[in-house]
Structure formats: structure tokens, C-alpha cells
Amino acid sequence: MRIAILCLLTIGSSFLPAQTRHWTPLVRSIRVESVPTSPKGLPNVEFKAVMAAWKQNGVKLDVEAPLDTAAVDKAGEVLRDLYAERGQSVRVEHSISGIPPRSAEVAFRVIQLSNCK
């Protein structure tokens, strides 16, 4: 009897659809680092202004929110445009680092481009 029940449970479980869980990590921190390449340096842009620009442009990237890689890409573009408004040519790189168990840190590097002529 035990063997029959065990066989039924084994066979029955093979018909159940495989359930894979997809965990979207939460953003635990966001960093923006300036990398000047000239003695003059980069203008100081407060993080508060960066967050306001993201919000104004519809970028949904915030601490304690689910990570959206498309939003991270868009945030980099908005960050580049923010520096362009201040007369600076920059390249923006980003990285996403996992924080166990299911969190992430998003870091942006704003690298000043030289104006060689």
C-alpha cells in the first residue's frame, strides 16, 4: 500500500507544471561617482538634482524599488543629458552589483570627456 501511494505521488508530481521563481532584486543603494579628467573638473551636481531629473524624465529608479535594467539604462542617458545642460561632455557607465540575498547596488560613473581640438 505504501509503495502504491509513493508511486502515485511520484507520477502525479511529474504532471505538475514546473514552477520557476524569478526574483527581482530590490535596489538597496544608488551611487553616482564623478571622474574628472581635467584640472577644472566636473561641475558639482547634487544627488537630489539627479533624482529630480530622473523623476521628470519618467525614470523609475529608486532605493527599495524593484531593479529594472531598462530604467538603469535610461537613468544613465538622463545623467549624461544633465551634465550636457551644464556644458560638460561626459560618458556615463553603470554597474549593478548583487547584494545577498536578493538586493542590488546600482553605481554610475560619470567620466569627463576631454575637449581636444
Protein backbone atom coordinates (compact mmCIF):
# COMPACT_ATOMS: atom_id res chain seq x y z
CA MET A 1 0.00 0.00 0.00
CA ARG A 2 2.80 2.42 0.91
CA ILE A 3 4.57 1.67 -2.34
CA ALA A 4 1.40 2.33 -4.35
CA ILE A 5 0.88 5.70 -2.65
CA LEU A 6 4.51 6.59 -3.16
CA CYS A 7 4.29 5.67 -6.85
CA LEU A 8 1.11 7.74 -7.30
CA LEU A 9 2.71 10.75 -5.65
CA THR A 10 5.80 10.43 -7.80
CA ILE A 11 3.85 10.03 -11.04
CA GLY A 12 1.33 12.72 -10.12
CA SER A 13 4.02 15.27 -9.35
CA SER A 14 5.54 14.81 -12.81
CA PHE A 15 2.35 16.20 -14.36
CA LEU A 16 2.51 19.43 -12.38
CA PRO A 17 3.99 22.33 -14.32
CA ALA A 18 7.47 23.24 -13.27
CA GLN A 19 7.33 26.40 -11.20
CA THR A 20 10.36 28.55 -11.52
CA ARG A 21 10.55 31.55 -9.30
CA HIS A 22 12.01 34.69 -10.71
CA TRP A 23 13.20 37.02 -8.00
CA THR A 24 13.60 40.63 -8.98
CA PRO A 25 16.20 42.15 -6.68
CA LEU A 26 15.44 45.33 -4.77
CA VAL A 27 17.71 48.32 -5.21
CA ARG A 28 19.46 48.89 -1.87
CA SER A 29 21.73 51.76 -2.91
CA ILE A 30 22.45 54.06 -5.82
CA ARG A 31 25.83 55.78 -6.23
CA VAL A 32 26.96 58.43 -8.69
CA GLU A 33 30.73 58.92 -8.92
CA SER A 34 32.33 61.77 -10.88
CA VAL A 35 35.62 61.07 -12.66
CA PRO A 36 37.19 64.38 -13.76
CA THR A 37 39.91 64.27 -16.41
CA SER A 38 40.86 67.95 -16.46
CA PRO A 39 42.20 70.31 -13.79
CA LYS A 40 38.95 72.28 -13.95
CA GLY A 41 36.97 69.16 -13.06
CA LEU A 42 33.27 68.49 -13.35
CA PRO A 43 30.52 70.74 -12.01
CA ASN A 44 29.04 69.54 -8.75
CA VAL A 45 25.62 68.00 -9.34
CA GLU A 46 23.80 67.09 -6.14
CA PHE A 47 22.17 63.69 -5.96
CA LYS A 48 18.89 65.44 -5.18
CA ALA A 49 19.08 67.13 -8.62
CA VAL A 50 19.85 63.78 -10.26
CA MET A 51 16.81 62.17 -8.63
CA ALA A 52 14.63 65.12 -9.70
CA ALA A 53 15.85 64.78 -13.31
CA TRP A 54 15.10 61.06 -13.27
CA LYS A 55 11.62 61.69 -11.94
CA GLN A 56 10.99 64.45 -14.50
CA ASN A 57 12.02 62.08 -17.32
CA GLY A 58 9.95 59.16 -16.06
CA VAL A 59 12.86 57.04 -14.85
CA LYS A 60 11.65 54.65 -12.17
CA LEU A 61 14.90 54.01 -10.34
CA ASP A 62 14.72 54.36 -6.58
CA VAL A 63 16.04 52.74 -3.43
CA GLU A 64 13.79 49.94 -2.11
CA ALA A 65 12.16 49.57 -5.54
CA PRO A 66 12.50 46.52 -7.80
CA LEU A 67 15.51 46.68 -10.11
CA ASP A 68 14.63 47.48 -13.72
CA THR A 69 17.63 47.31 -16.04
CA ALA A 70 15.85 49.37 -18.69
CA ALA A 71 15.40 52.11 -16.08
CA VAL A 72 19.12 51.91 -15.26
CA ASP A 73 19.99 52.44 -18.94
CA LYS A 74 17.58 55.37 -19.20
CA ALA A 75 18.95 56.85 -15.95
CA GLY A 76 22.43 56.88 -17.49
CA GLU A 77 21.13 58.77 -20.52
CA VAL A 78 19.38 61.34 -18.34
CA LEU A 79 22.54 61.74 -16.26
CA ARG A 80 24.56 62.40 -19.42
CA ASP A 81 22.00 64.98 -20.55
CA LEU A 82 22.05 66.64 -17.13
CA TYR A 83 25.80 67.24 -17.43
CA ALA A 84 25.39 68.38 -21.05
CA GLU A 85 22.99 71.09 -19.81
CA ARG A 86 25.86 72.28 -17.63
CA GLY A 87 28.24 72.40 -20.60
CA GLN A 88 30.09 69.16 -19.92
CA SER A 89 30.66 66.27 -22.29
CA VAL A 90 30.64 63.06 -20.27
CA ARG A 91 30.41 59.34 -20.74
CA VAL A 92 28.23 57.53 -18.22
CA GLU A 93 28.94 53.92 -17.30
CA HIS A 94 26.90 51.88 -14.88
CA SER A 95 27.31 48.66 -12.97
CA ILE A 96 24.93 46.53 -10.97
CA SER A 97 26.32 44.55 -8.06
CA GLY A 98 24.38 41.87 -6.26
CA ILE A 99 23.90 42.16 -2.51
CA PRO A 100 22.83 38.84 -0.97
CA PRO A 101 20.24 37.51 -0.65
CA ARG A 102 18.09 39.42 -3.21
CA SER A 103 19.26 43.02 -3.42
CA ALA A 104 21.42 45.11 -5.71
CA GLU A 105 23.56 48.23 -5.75
CA VAL A 106 23.48 50.45 -8.84
CA ALA A 107 26.60 52.55 -9.43
CA PHE A 108 27.09 55.20 -12.09
CA ARG A 109 30.49 56.59 -13.17
CA VAL A 110 30.34 59.98 -14.86
CA ILE A 111 33.59 60.30 -16.82
CA GLN A 112 34.54 63.70 -18.17
CA LEU A 113 35.46 63.70 -21.84
CA SER A 114 38.33 65.89 -22.95
CA ASN A 115 37.62 68.68 -25.40
CA CYS A 116 40.65 68.13 -27.64
CA LYS A 117 40.68 70.29 -30.75
